[in-house]
Amino acid sequence: MARALKSFIPLFDRVLVQKLAAETTTKGGIMLPEKAVGKVLDATVVAVGPGSRNSSGELMACSVKAGDRVLLPEYGGTKLKLEDQEYHLFRDGDILGKFLESEGGK
């Protein structure tokens, strides 16, 4: 992930995320076929642009930061392939929410 950050920096209010891997087994250990696995809407923020400007020219920072776990819309974003890893680029306003981590970890 660190190498991708050196070769790509999002502009304006863009957010670079890496989607989490889909669960391919159930809690009981049953393997799921690829078609049965739903779309992955959870992702980890890898890099964030500086933000966008409002009508008076002030910089409006993005609402997420690198390392945050976020909820993505089902459709949208731009797929990128950097250093053999797949990433997605979204606008800050397109991200649906941010997961709060408990103090004791996940």
N, C-alpha and C. Protein backbone atom coordinates (compact mmCIF):
# COMPACT_ATOMS: atom_id res chain seq x y z
N MET A 1 0.82 -1.19 0.00
CA MET A 1 0.00 0.00 0.00
C MET A 1 0.86 1.26 0.00
N ALA A 2 1.96 1.25 0.73
CA ALA A 2 2.80 2.43 0.83
C ALA A 2 3.36 2.82 -0.53
N ARG A 3 3.67 1.82 -1.39
CA ARG A 3 4.22 2.12 -2.71
C ARG A 3 3.18 2.81 -3.57
N ALA A 4 1.91 2.44 -3.44
CA ALA A 4 0.85 3.08 -4.22
C ALA A 4 0.74 4.55 -3.85
N LEU A 5 0.93 4.86 -2.58
CA LEU A 5 0.85 6.25 -2.14
C LEU A 5 1.94 7.11 -2.76
N LYS A 6 3.11 6.53 -3.02
CA LYS A 6 4.20 7.30 -3.59
C LYS A 6 3.98 7.56 -5.08
N SER A 7 3.22 6.71 -5.75
CA SER A 7 3.03 6.87 -7.18
C SER A 7 1.69 7.51 -7.54
N PHE A 8 0.80 7.72 -6.56
CA PHE A 8 -0.51 8.30 -6.86
C PHE A 8 -1.01 9.11 -5.66
N ILE A 9 -1.37 10.36 -5.91
CA ILE A 9 -1.94 11.23 -4.87
C ILE A 9 -3.26 11.77 -5.42
N PRO A 10 -4.39 11.54 -4.72
CA PRO A 10 -5.68 12.07 -5.20
C PRO A 10 -5.70 13.59 -5.19
N LEU A 11 -6.43 14.17 -6.12
CA LEU A 11 -6.58 15.62 -6.20
C LEU A 11 -7.93 16.05 -5.62
N PHE A 12 -8.01 17.28 -5.21
CA PHE A 12 -9.24 17.91 -4.71
C PHE A 12 -9.89 17.07 -3.61
N ASP A 13 -11.18 16.73 -3.76
CA ASP A 13 -11.88 15.99 -2.71
C ASP A 13 -11.98 14.50 -3.02
N ARG A 14 -11.01 13.97 -3.77
CA ARG A 14 -11.02 12.55 -4.13
C ARG A 14 -10.41 11.73 -3.00
N VAL A 15 -10.93 10.49 -2.85
CA VAL A 15 -10.48 9.57 -1.81
C VAL A 15 -10.13 8.25 -2.47
N LEU A 16 -8.91 7.76 -2.25
CA LEU A 16 -8.46 6.48 -2.78
C LEU A 16 -8.69 5.41 -1.72
N VAL A 17 -9.45 4.36 -2.08
CA VAL A 17 -9.77 3.30 -1.13
C VAL A 17 -9.38 1.94 -1.70
N GLN A 18 -9.20 1.00 -0.80
CA GLN A 18 -8.98 -0.39 -1.18
C GLN A 18 -10.09 -1.21 -0.54
N LYS A 19 -10.90 -1.87 -1.37
CA LYS A 19 -12.03 -2.64 -0.86
C LYS A 19 -11.52 -3.85 -0.08
N LEU A 20 -12.27 -4.20 0.98
CA LEU A 20 -11.93 -5.36 1.78
C LEU A 20 -12.26 -6.62 0.99
N ALA A 21 -11.57 -7.71 1.27
CA ALA A 21 -11.80 -8.97 0.57
C ALA A 21 -13.16 -9.54 0.96
N ALA A 22 -13.85 -10.11 0.00
CA ALA A 22 -15.16 -10.72 0.24
C ALA A 22 -15.00 -12.02 1.03
N GLU A 23 -15.94 -12.29 1.92
CA GLU A 23 -15.94 -13.53 2.70
C GLU A 23 -16.33 -14.67 1.77
N THR A 24 -15.47 -15.68 1.67
CA THR A 24 -15.76 -16.81 0.79
C THR A 24 -16.15 -18.06 1.56
N THR A 25 -16.13 -18.00 2.88
CA THR A 25 -16.57 -19.13 3.70
C THR A 25 -17.54 -18.61 4.77
N THR A 26 -18.47 -19.47 5.16
CA THR A 26 -19.40 -19.10 6.22
C THR A 26 -18.74 -19.35 7.57
N LYS A 27 -19.39 -18.93 8.64
CA LYS A 27 -18.85 -19.17 9.98
C LYS A 27 -18.74 -20.65 10.28
N GLY A 28 -19.60 -21.45 9.64
CA GLY A 28 -19.56 -22.90 9.82
C GLY A 28 -18.51 -23.59 8.97
N GLY A 29 -17.81 -22.84 8.12
CA GLY A 29 -16.73 -23.40 7.31
C GLY A 29 -17.15 -23.82 5.91
N ILE A 30 -18.36 -23.50 5.49
CA ILE A 30 -18.84 -23.88 4.16
C ILE A 30 -18.30 -22.89 3.14
N MET A 31 -17.71 -23.41 2.07
CA MET A 31 -17.18 -22.57 1.00
C MET A 31 -18.33 -22.05 0.15
N LEU A 32 -18.33 -20.75 -0.14
CA LEU A 32 -19.37 -20.13 -0.95
C LEU A 32 -18.90 -20.00 -2.39
N PRO A 33 -19.79 -20.27 -3.36
CA PRO A 33 -19.40 -20.03 -4.76
C PRO A 33 -19.27 -18.53 -5.02
N GLU A 34 -18.48 -18.19 -6.02
CA GLU A 34 -18.20 -16.78 -6.32
C GLU A 34 -19.47 -15.97 -6.58
N LYS A 35 -20.47 -16.56 -7.24
CA LYS A 35 -21.71 -15.84 -7.55
C LYS A 35 -22.54 -15.58 -6.31
N ALA A 36 -22.37 -16.37 -5.26
CA ALA A 36 -23.16 -16.21 -4.04
C ALA A 36 -22.61 -15.12 -3.13
N VAL A 37 -21.38 -14.72 -3.37
CA VAL A 37 -20.75 -13.69 -2.54
C VAL A 37 -21.25 -12.33 -2.99
N GLY A 38 -21.77 -11.53 -2.07
CA GLY A 38 -22.29 -10.21 -2.40
C GLY A 38 -21.19 -9.21 -2.69
N LYS A 39 -21.59 -8.03 -3.18
CA LYS A 39 -20.62 -6.97 -3.44
C LYS A 39 -20.03 -6.48 -2.12
N VAL A 40 -18.76 -6.17 -2.16
CA VAL A 40 -18.07 -5.65 -0.98
C VAL A 40 -18.23 -4.14 -0.97
N LEU A 41 -18.88 -3.63 0.08
CA LEU A 41 -19.10 -2.19 0.18
C LEU A 41 -18.23 -1.55 1.25
N ASP A 42 -17.47 -2.36 1.99
CA ASP A 42 -16.54 -1.84 3.00
C ASP A 42 -15.18 -1.64 2.36
N ALA A 43 -14.49 -0.57 2.75
CA ALA A 43 -13.17 -0.31 2.21
C ALA A 43 -12.33 0.43 3.24
N THR A 44 -11.03 0.40 3.02
CA THR A 44 -10.09 1.14 3.86
C THR A 44 -9.54 2.31 3.04
N VAL A 45 -9.54 3.49 3.63
CA VAL A 45 -9.02 4.68 2.95
C VAL A 45 -7.50 4.58 2.90
N VAL A 46 -6.95 4.73 1.69
CA VAL A 46 -5.50 4.64 1.49
C VAL A 46 -4.87 6.03 1.40
N ALA A 47 -5.54 6.93 0.68
CA ALA A 47 -5.02 8.29 0.52
C ALA A 47 -6.18 9.25 0.30
N VAL A 48 -5.98 10.51 0.70
CA VAL A 48 -7.03 11.52 0.60
C VAL A 48 -6.45 12.79 -0.01
N GLY A 49 -7.21 13.41 -0.91
CA GLY A 49 -6.79 14.69 -1.49
C GLY A 49 -6.92 15.81 -0.47
N PRO A 50 -6.44 17.00 -0.80
CA PRO A 50 -6.46 18.12 0.15
C PRO A 50 -7.86 18.67 0.44
N GLY A 51 -8.83 18.41 -0.43
CA GLY A 51 -10.19 18.92 -0.24
C GLY A 51 -10.60 19.80 -1.40
N SER A 52 -11.80 20.34 -1.30
CA SER A 52 -12.31 21.22 -2.37
C SER A 52 -12.49 22.63 -1.81
N ARG A 53 -12.69 23.58 -2.69
CA ARG A 53 -12.88 24.97 -2.29
C ARG A 53 -14.37 25.31 -2.32
N ASN A 54 -14.81 26.08 -1.32
CA ASN A 54 -16.21 26.52 -1.31
C ASN A 54 -16.33 27.81 -2.13
N SER A 55 -17.51 28.41 -2.16
CA SER A 55 -17.76 29.58 -3.00
C SER A 55 -16.92 30.80 -2.60
N SER A 56 -16.48 30.85 -1.34
CA SER A 56 -15.64 31.98 -0.92
C SER A 56 -14.14 31.67 -1.03
N GLY A 57 -13.81 30.49 -1.59
CA GLY A 57 -12.41 30.15 -1.81
C GLY A 57 -11.72 29.45 -0.67
N GLU A 58 -12.45 29.16 0.42
CA GLU A 58 -11.84 28.48 1.56
C GLU A 58 -11.73 26.99 1.28
N LEU A 59 -10.65 26.39 1.74
CA LEU A 59 -10.43 24.96 1.55
C LEU A 59 -11.29 24.16 2.53
N MET A 60 -12.10 23.27 1.99
CA MET A 60 -12.96 22.39 2.79
C MET A 60 -12.30 21.02 2.82
N ALA A 61 -11.75 20.63 3.96
CA ALA A 61 -11.04 19.36 4.08
C ALA A 61 -12.00 18.18 3.94
N CYS A 62 -11.47 17.05 3.51
CA CYS A 62 -12.27 15.83 3.38
C CYS A 62 -12.67 15.32 4.76
N SER A 63 -13.77 14.58 4.80
CA SER A 63 -14.31 14.09 6.08
C SER A 63 -13.69 12.78 6.54
N VAL A 64 -12.83 12.17 5.73
CA VAL A 64 -12.16 10.93 6.12
C VAL A 64 -10.65 11.13 6.02
N LYS A 65 -9.92 10.22 6.64
CA LYS A 65 -8.45 10.27 6.57
C LYS A 65 -7.92 8.88 6.28
N ALA A 66 -6.67 8.78 5.90
CA ALA A 66 -6.05 7.50 5.59
C ALA A 66 -6.16 6.57 6.81
N GLY A 67 -6.55 5.33 6.54
CA GLY A 67 -6.70 4.35 7.61
C GLY A 67 -8.13 4.15 8.07
N ASP A 68 -9.04 5.09 7.74
CA ASP A 68 -10.45 4.96 8.12
C ASP A 68 -11.11 3.82 7.34
N ARG A 69 -12.06 3.15 7.99
CA ARG A 69 -12.87 2.12 7.32
C ARG A 69 -14.20 2.76 6.97
N VAL A 70 -14.57 2.70 5.68
CA VAL A 70 -15.75 3.43 5.19
C VAL A 70 -16.73 2.51 4.47
N LEU A 71 -17.96 3.01 4.31
CA LEU A 71 -19.01 2.31 3.57
C LEU A 71 -19.17 3.02 2.23
N LEU A 72 -19.10 2.24 1.16
CA LEU A 72 -19.17 2.80 -0.20
C LEU A 72 -20.54 2.57 -0.81
N PRO A 73 -20.90 3.38 -1.81
CA PRO A 73 -22.14 3.12 -2.54
C PRO A 73 -21.97 1.85 -3.39
N GLU A 74 -23.09 1.22 -3.74
CA GLU A 74 -23.02 -0.02 -4.52
C GLU A 74 -22.40 0.21 -5.90
N TYR A 75 -22.70 1.36 -6.49
CA TYR A 75 -22.17 1.68 -7.81
C TYR A 75 -21.41 2.98 -7.75
N GLY A 76 -20.47 3.16 -8.68
CA GLY A 76 -19.74 4.42 -8.76
C GLY A 76 -18.26 4.22 -8.49
N GLY A 77 -17.54 5.29 -8.51
CA GLY A 77 -16.10 5.25 -8.29
C GLY A 77 -15.37 4.88 -9.57
N THR A 78 -14.08 5.08 -9.54
CA THR A 78 -13.21 4.77 -10.68
C THR A 78 -12.21 3.72 -10.23
N LYS A 79 -12.13 2.62 -10.97
CA LYS A 79 -11.21 1.54 -10.62
C LYS A 79 -9.81 1.87 -11.12
N LEU A 80 -8.81 1.67 -10.26
CA LEU A 80 -7.41 1.90 -10.61
C LEU A 80 -6.60 0.65 -10.26
N LYS A 81 -5.57 0.39 -11.04
CA LYS A 81 -4.67 -0.71 -10.70
C LYS A 81 -3.28 -0.11 -10.53
N LEU A 82 -2.77 -0.16 -9.31
CA LEU A 82 -1.45 0.38 -8.98
C LEU A 82 -0.63 -0.71 -8.32
N GLU A 83 0.56 -0.96 -8.85
CA GLU A 83 1.47 -1.97 -8.27
C GLU A 83 0.76 -3.31 -8.06
N ASP A 84 -0.01 -3.74 -9.06
CA ASP A 84 -0.74 -5.02 -9.04
C ASP A 84 -1.78 -5.11 -7.93
N GLN A 85 -2.21 -3.99 -7.39
CA GLN A 85 -3.28 -3.93 -6.39
C GLN A 85 -4.44 -3.15 -7.00
N GLU A 86 -5.67 -3.54 -6.66
CA GLU A 86 -6.84 -2.84 -7.17
C GLU A 86 -7.33 -1.82 -6.14
N TYR A 87 -7.51 -0.59 -6.60
CA TYR A 87 -8.00 0.49 -5.77
C TYR A 87 -9.20 1.13 -6.45
N HIS A 88 -9.96 1.94 -5.71
CA HIS A 88 -11.09 2.68 -6.26
C HIS A 88 -10.99 4.13 -5.79
N LEU A 89 -11.37 5.04 -6.68
CA LEU A 89 -11.31 6.46 -6.39
C LEU A 89 -12.74 7.01 -6.34
N PHE A 90 -13.09 7.63 -5.21
CA PHE A 90 -14.42 8.20 -5.00
C PHE A 90 -14.28 9.66 -4.59
N ARG A 91 -15.33 10.43 -4.81
CA ARG A 91 -15.40 11.78 -4.24
C ARG A 91 -15.76 11.64 -2.77
N ASP A 92 -15.30 12.55 -1.96
CA ASP A 92 -15.58 12.52 -0.53
C ASP A 92 -17.08 12.48 -0.26
N GLY A 93 -17.87 13.24 -1.01
CA GLY A 93 -19.31 13.29 -0.82
C GLY A 93 -20.03 12.02 -1.23
N ASP A 94 -19.39 11.15 -2.02
CA ASP A 94 -20.02 9.90 -2.44
C ASP A 94 -19.90 8.80 -1.39
N ILE A 95 -18.98 8.95 -0.45
CA ILE A 95 -18.80 7.95 0.61
C ILE A 95 -19.98 8.05 1.56
N LEU A 96 -20.61 6.90 1.84
CA LEU A 96 -21.85 6.89 2.61
C LEU A 96 -21.65 7.05 4.11
N GLY A 97 -20.55 6.56 4.63
CA GLY A 97 -20.34 6.65 6.08
C GLY A 97 -18.98 6.12 6.47
N LYS A 98 -18.66 6.33 7.75
CA LYS A 98 -17.38 5.90 8.31
C LYS A 98 -17.67 5.02 9.51
N PHE A 99 -17.00 3.86 9.59
CA PHE A 99 -17.16 2.97 10.73
C PHE A 99 -16.30 3.46 11.88
N LEU A 100 -16.88 3.52 13.07
CA LEU A 100 -16.14 3.92 14.26
C LEU A 100 -15.55 2.67 14.89
N GLU A 101 -14.27 2.71 15.17
CA GLU A 101 -13.60 1.58 15.83
C GLU A 101 -13.75 1.75 17.34
N SER A 102 -14.04 0.65 18.03
CA SER A 102 -14.13 0.72 19.49
C SER A 102 -12.74 0.86 20.08
N GLU A 103 -12.65 1.33 21.32
CA GLU A 103 -11.35 1.59 21.94
C GLU A 103 -10.55 0.32 22.12
N GLY A 104 -11.21 -0.81 22.29
CA GLY A 104 -10.53 -2.09 22.48
C GLY A 104 -10.13 -2.76 21.19
N GLY A 105 -10.28 -2.10 20.04
CA GLY A 105 -9.97 -2.69 18.74
C GLY A 105 -11.26 -3.01 18.01
N LYS A 106 -11.16 -3.91 17.04
CA LYS A 106 -12.35 -4.27 16.23
C LYS A 106 -13.30 -5.16 16.97
